Amino acid sequence: MAAPARPFLDRPIARGLALLVLLACLTGLAWLERERWLPAQTTAIADDPAALCFAARAAEIDGMLAEGLIAAQQAAAFKSRAEAMCRATAQGAAPGLPALPQ
């Protein structure tokens, strides 16, 4: 006696197609959500207050250097100090005197 014919959904080819559809859906979802999982470097820098602060200070220092008000060594020192100040300010420390004890 011959085995009864299996419906299409019970065959291995149908399970393979289901797996391909699942992978296609997961790939599409990953593509749509790629910016949330892998933020662009420019987005991370644009939201960083320390980077914004340093960019403004560096532009001012470059302007002074272009006008001849300071030397190249001074510009490098000013930029390193500005970077430290911007990082400290972004972390919550105010520039100038340290905070009073409470």
N, C-alpha and C. Protein backbone atom coordinates (compact mmCIF):
# COMPACT_ATOMS: atom_id res chain seq x y z
N MET A 1 0.84 -1.16 0.00
CA MET A 1 0.00 0.00 0.00
C MET A 1 0.90 1.24 0.00
N ALA A 2 0.54 2.23 -0.76
CA ALA A 2 1.33 3.44 -0.90
C ALA A 2 1.03 4.39 0.27
N ALA A 3 2.05 5.13 0.64
CA ALA A 3 1.87 6.09 1.73
C ALA A 3 0.96 7.22 1.25
N PRO A 4 0.12 7.74 2.15
CA PRO A 4 -0.76 8.83 1.72
C PRO A 4 0.06 10.08 1.38
N ALA A 5 -0.44 10.85 0.45
CA ALA A 5 0.25 12.08 0.03
C ALA A 5 0.23 13.10 1.17
N ARG A 6 1.39 13.67 1.42
CA ARG A 6 1.49 14.67 2.50
C ARG A 6 1.07 16.03 1.97
N PRO A 7 0.37 16.80 2.79
CA PRO A 7 0.02 18.16 2.37
C PRO A 7 1.30 19.00 2.19
N PHE A 8 1.19 20.08 1.43
CA PHE A 8 2.36 20.91 1.11
C PHE A 8 3.01 21.47 2.37
N LEU A 9 2.22 21.90 3.36
CA LEU A 9 2.78 22.53 4.56
C LEU A 9 3.54 21.56 5.45
N ASP A 10 3.37 20.28 5.24
CA ASP A 10 4.10 19.28 6.03
C ASP A 10 5.40 18.86 5.36
N ARG A 11 5.70 19.38 4.20
CA ARG A 11 6.91 18.99 3.47
C ARG A 11 8.09 19.85 3.92
N PRO A 12 9.30 19.32 3.76
CA PRO A 12 10.50 20.09 4.14
C PRO A 12 10.65 21.38 3.34
N ILE A 13 10.20 21.40 2.10
CA ILE A 13 10.33 22.62 1.29
C ILE A 13 9.50 23.76 1.89
N ALA A 14 8.36 23.45 2.46
CA ALA A 14 7.52 24.48 3.09
C ALA A 14 8.20 25.02 4.34
N ARG A 15 8.84 24.17 5.09
CA ARG A 15 9.56 24.64 6.28
C ARG A 15 10.77 25.49 5.90
N GLY A 16 11.42 25.13 4.82
CA GLY A 16 12.53 25.95 4.33
C GLY A 16 12.06 27.32 3.87
N LEU A 17 10.92 27.36 3.19
CA LEU A 17 10.35 28.65 2.78
C LEU A 17 9.96 29.49 3.99
N ALA A 18 9.41 28.86 5.01
CA ALA A 18 9.04 29.59 6.23
C ALA A 18 10.28 30.17 6.90
N LEU A 19 11.37 29.41 6.90
CA LEU A 19 12.61 29.91 7.47
C LEU A 19 13.14 31.10 6.67
N LEU A 20 13.05 31.03 5.36
CA LEU A 20 13.49 32.16 4.53
C LEU A 20 12.63 33.41 4.77
N VAL A 21 11.34 33.22 4.93
CA VAL A 21 10.46 34.36 5.21
C VAL A 21 10.80 34.97 6.56
N LEU A 22 11.06 34.12 7.56
CA LEU A 22 11.45 34.61 8.88
C LEU A 22 12.75 35.42 8.80
N LEU A 23 13.74 34.89 8.10
CA LEU A 23 15.01 35.61 7.96
C LEU A 23 14.82 36.93 7.21
N ALA A 24 13.98 36.95 6.20
CA ALA A 24 13.72 38.19 5.46
C ALA A 24 13.05 39.22 6.37
N CYS A 25 12.11 38.78 7.20
CA CYS A 25 11.44 39.71 8.12
C CYS A 25 12.42 40.26 9.15
N LEU A 26 13.27 39.41 9.70
CA LEU A 26 14.25 39.87 10.68
C LEU A 26 15.26 40.83 10.06
N THR A 27 15.65 40.55 8.82
CA THR A 27 16.58 41.44 8.12
C THR A 27 15.92 42.80 7.86
N GLY A 28 14.67 42.78 7.45
CA GLY A 28 13.95 44.04 7.23
C GLY A 28 13.80 44.84 8.51
N LEU A 29 13.49 44.16 9.60
CA LEU A 29 13.37 44.85 10.89
C LEU A 29 14.71 45.44 11.33
N ALA A 30 15.77 44.68 11.16
CA ALA A 30 17.10 45.18 11.52
C ALA A 30 17.47 46.39 10.66
N TRP A 31 17.11 46.37 9.38
CA TRP A 31 17.40 47.50 8.50
C TRP A 31 16.64 48.75 8.93
N LEU A 32 15.38 48.57 9.32
CA LEU A 32 14.59 49.72 9.73
C LEU A 32 15.06 50.30 11.06
N GLU A 33 15.58 49.48 11.93
CA GLU A 33 16.00 49.93 13.25
C GLU A 33 17.52 50.11 13.37
N ARG A 34 18.21 50.17 12.26
CA ARG A 34 19.68 50.23 12.30
C ARG A 34 20.21 51.48 12.99
N GLU A 35 19.52 52.61 12.87
CA GLU A 35 20.01 53.84 13.49
C GLU A 35 19.88 53.79 15.01
N ARG A 36 18.90 53.06 15.50
CA ARG A 36 18.75 52.94 16.95
C ARG A 36 19.83 52.03 17.54
N TRP A 37 20.16 50.96 16.82
CA TRP A 37 21.15 50.01 17.33
C TRP A 37 22.58 50.46 17.05
N LEU A 38 22.80 51.09 15.92
CA LEU A 38 24.14 51.54 15.54
C LEU A 38 24.09 53.02 15.19
N PRO A 39 24.11 53.90 16.19
CA PRO A 39 24.02 55.33 15.88
C PRO A 39 25.24 55.78 15.09
N ALA A 40 25.02 56.69 14.18
CA ALA A 40 26.11 57.23 13.37
C ALA A 40 27.05 58.02 14.27
N GLN A 41 28.30 58.08 13.89
CA GLN A 41 29.30 58.80 14.68
C GLN A 41 28.97 60.28 14.74
N THR A 42 28.45 60.85 13.67
CA THR A 42 28.13 62.27 13.67
C THR A 42 26.98 62.56 14.63
N THR A 43 26.04 61.63 14.75
CA THR A 43 24.93 61.82 15.69
C THR A 43 25.45 61.81 17.12
N ALA A 44 26.37 60.91 17.41
CA ALA A 44 26.92 60.85 18.77
C ALA A 44 27.71 62.11 19.09
N ILE A 45 28.45 62.62 18.13
CA ILE A 45 29.25 63.82 18.37
C ILE A 45 28.34 65.05 18.47
N ALA A 46 27.30 65.11 17.65
CA ALA A 46 26.42 66.27 17.66
C ALA A 46 25.67 66.40 18.98
N ASP A 47 25.43 65.30 19.67
CA ASP A 47 24.71 65.34 20.93
C ASP A 47 25.64 65.52 22.13
N ASP A 48 26.93 65.49 21.93
CA ASP A 48 27.89 65.55 23.02
C ASP A 48 28.17 67.02 23.37
N PRO A 49 27.79 67.48 24.58
CA PRO A 49 28.03 68.88 24.93
C PRO A 49 29.51 69.23 25.00
N ALA A 50 30.35 68.27 25.40
CA ALA A 50 31.79 68.55 25.46
C ALA A 50 32.35 68.78 24.06
N ALA A 51 31.90 67.99 23.08
CA ALA A 51 32.38 68.16 21.71
C ALA A 51 31.92 69.48 21.13
N LEU A 52 30.67 69.87 21.41
CA LEU A 52 30.17 71.15 20.92
C LEU A 52 30.94 72.31 21.54
N CYS A 53 31.20 72.23 22.84
CA CYS A 53 31.96 73.27 23.54
C CYS A 53 33.36 73.38 22.95
N PHE A 54 34.02 72.24 22.76
CA PHE A 54 35.38 72.26 22.26
C PHE A 54 35.43 72.78 20.82
N ALA A 55 34.44 72.44 20.02
CA ALA A 55 34.43 72.92 18.63
C ALA A 55 34.35 74.45 18.59
N ALA A 56 33.54 75.03 19.47
CA ALA A 56 33.43 76.49 19.51
C ALA A 56 34.74 77.12 19.98
N ARG A 57 35.34 76.56 21.02
CA ARG A 57 36.60 77.11 21.54
C ARG A 57 37.73 76.95 20.53
N ALA A 58 37.78 75.79 19.85
CA ALA A 58 38.83 75.56 18.87
C ALA A 58 38.71 76.54 17.70
N ALA A 59 37.49 76.86 17.31
CA ALA A 59 37.30 77.84 16.23
C ALA A 59 37.81 79.21 16.65
N GLU A 60 37.56 79.59 17.91
CA GLU A 60 38.07 80.88 18.41
C GLU A 60 39.59 80.88 18.44
N ILE A 61 40.18 79.80 18.88
CA ILE A 61 41.65 79.70 18.96
C ILE A 61 42.26 79.73 17.57
N ASP A 62 41.63 79.02 16.62
CA ASP A 62 42.13 79.04 15.24
C ASP A 62 42.03 80.44 14.65
N GLY A 63 41.00 81.17 15.02
CA GLY A 63 40.87 82.56 14.56
C GLY A 63 41.98 83.44 15.09
N MET A 64 42.30 83.27 16.38
CA MET A 64 43.40 84.05 16.96
C MET A 64 44.73 83.69 16.30
N LEU A 65 44.91 82.41 15.98
CA LEU A 65 46.14 81.97 15.32
C LEU A 65 46.22 82.56 13.91
N ALA A 66 45.10 82.58 13.20
CA ALA A 66 45.09 83.12 11.84
C ALA A 66 45.35 84.63 11.83
N GLU A 67 44.90 85.33 12.88
CA GLU A 67 45.13 86.77 12.95
C GLU A 67 46.54 87.11 13.43
N GLY A 68 47.27 86.11 13.90
CA GLY A 68 48.63 86.34 14.35
C GLY A 68 48.73 86.81 15.79
N LEU A 69 47.65 86.65 16.55
CA LEU A 69 47.67 87.08 17.95
C LEU A 69 48.43 86.11 18.85
N ILE A 70 48.47 84.83 18.45
CA ILE A 70 49.17 83.82 19.25
C ILE A 70 50.03 82.97 18.33
N ALA A 71 51.01 82.29 18.93
CA ALA A 71 51.89 81.40 18.18
C ALA A 71 51.28 79.99 18.14
N ALA A 72 51.85 79.12 17.32
CA ALA A 72 51.34 77.76 17.16
C ALA A 72 51.43 76.97 18.47
N GLN A 73 52.52 77.17 19.23
CA GLN A 73 52.66 76.47 20.51
C GLN A 73 51.59 76.92 21.50
N GLN A 74 51.30 78.21 21.48
CA GLN A 74 50.26 78.73 22.36
C GLN A 74 48.90 78.17 21.96
N ALA A 75 48.66 78.08 20.67
CA ALA A 75 47.37 77.54 20.19
C ALA A 75 47.20 76.10 20.65
N ALA A 76 48.26 75.30 20.58
CA ALA A 76 48.18 73.91 21.03
C ALA A 76 47.90 73.84 22.53
N ALA A 77 48.55 74.70 23.29
CA ALA A 77 48.32 74.72 24.75
C ALA A 77 46.90 75.19 25.06
N PHE A 78 46.43 76.21 24.35
CA PHE A 78 45.07 76.71 24.58
C PHE A 78 44.03 75.64 24.25
N LYS A 79 44.28 74.89 23.17
CA LYS A 79 43.32 73.85 22.78
C LYS A 79 43.28 72.72 23.81
N SER A 80 44.44 72.34 24.35
CA SER A 80 44.43 71.28 25.36
C SER A 80 43.72 71.75 26.63
N ARG A 81 43.91 73.01 26.99
CA ARG A 81 43.21 73.56 28.17
C ARG A 81 41.70 73.68 27.91
N ALA A 82 41.35 74.09 26.70
CA ALA A 82 39.93 74.22 26.35
C ALA A 82 39.25 72.85 26.36
N GLU A 83 39.94 71.84 25.88
CA GLU A 83 39.36 70.49 25.88
C GLU A 83 39.13 70.01 27.31
N ALA A 84 40.11 70.24 28.19
CA ALA A 84 39.94 69.85 29.59
C ALA A 84 38.79 70.62 30.25
N MET A 85 38.69 71.91 29.96
CA MET A 85 37.61 72.71 30.53
C MET A 85 36.25 72.23 30.03
N CYS A 86 36.14 71.94 28.74
CA CYS A 86 34.86 71.49 28.18
C CYS A 86 34.46 70.13 28.74
N ARG A 87 35.41 69.24 28.92
CA ARG A 87 35.08 67.93 29.52
C ARG A 87 34.62 68.10 30.95
N ALA A 88 35.29 68.94 31.70
CA ALA A 88 34.90 69.16 33.10
C ALA A 88 33.54 69.82 33.19
N THR A 89 33.27 70.77 32.31
CA THR A 89 31.98 71.45 32.30
C THR A 89 30.87 70.48 31.92
N ALA A 90 31.13 69.61 30.95
CA ALA A 90 30.11 68.65 30.52
C ALA A 90 29.82 67.61 31.59
N GLN A 91 30.79 67.33 32.45
CA GLN A 91 30.59 66.35 33.52
C GLN A 91 29.93 66.97 34.73
N GLY A 92 29.64 68.25 34.68
CA GLY A 92 28.91 68.89 35.76
C GLY A 92 29.73 69.83 36.60
N ALA A 93 31.01 69.86 36.43
CA ALA A 93 31.84 70.79 37.20
C ALA A 93 31.78 72.16 36.52
N ALA A 94 31.62 73.18 37.31
CA ALA A 94 31.59 74.54 36.77
C ALA A 94 33.02 75.03 36.59
N PRO A 95 33.25 75.81 35.55
CA PRO A 95 34.60 76.36 35.39
C PRO A 95 34.90 77.37 36.50
N GLY A 96 36.12 77.44 36.88
CA GLY A 96 36.52 78.37 37.92
C GLY A 96 36.78 77.66 39.22
N LEU A 97 36.27 78.21 40.30
CA LEU A 97 36.51 77.66 41.62
C LEU A 97 35.75 76.36 41.84
N PRO A 98 36.30 75.48 42.69
CA PRO A 98 35.59 74.24 42.98
C PRO A 98 34.32 74.53 43.79
N ALA A 99 33.41 73.59 43.77
CA ALA A 99 32.14 73.76 44.47
C ALA A 99 32.37 73.78 45.98
N LEU A 100 31.50 74.49 46.67
CA LEU A 100 31.58 74.55 48.15
C LEU A 100 31.08 73.24 48.75
N PRO A 101 31.68 72.82 49.88
CA PRO A 101 31.18 71.60 50.52
C PRO A 101 29.79 71.85 51.10
N GLN A 102 29.02 70.80 51.21
CA GLN A 102 27.66 70.96 51.70
C GLN A 102 27.46 70.37 53.06
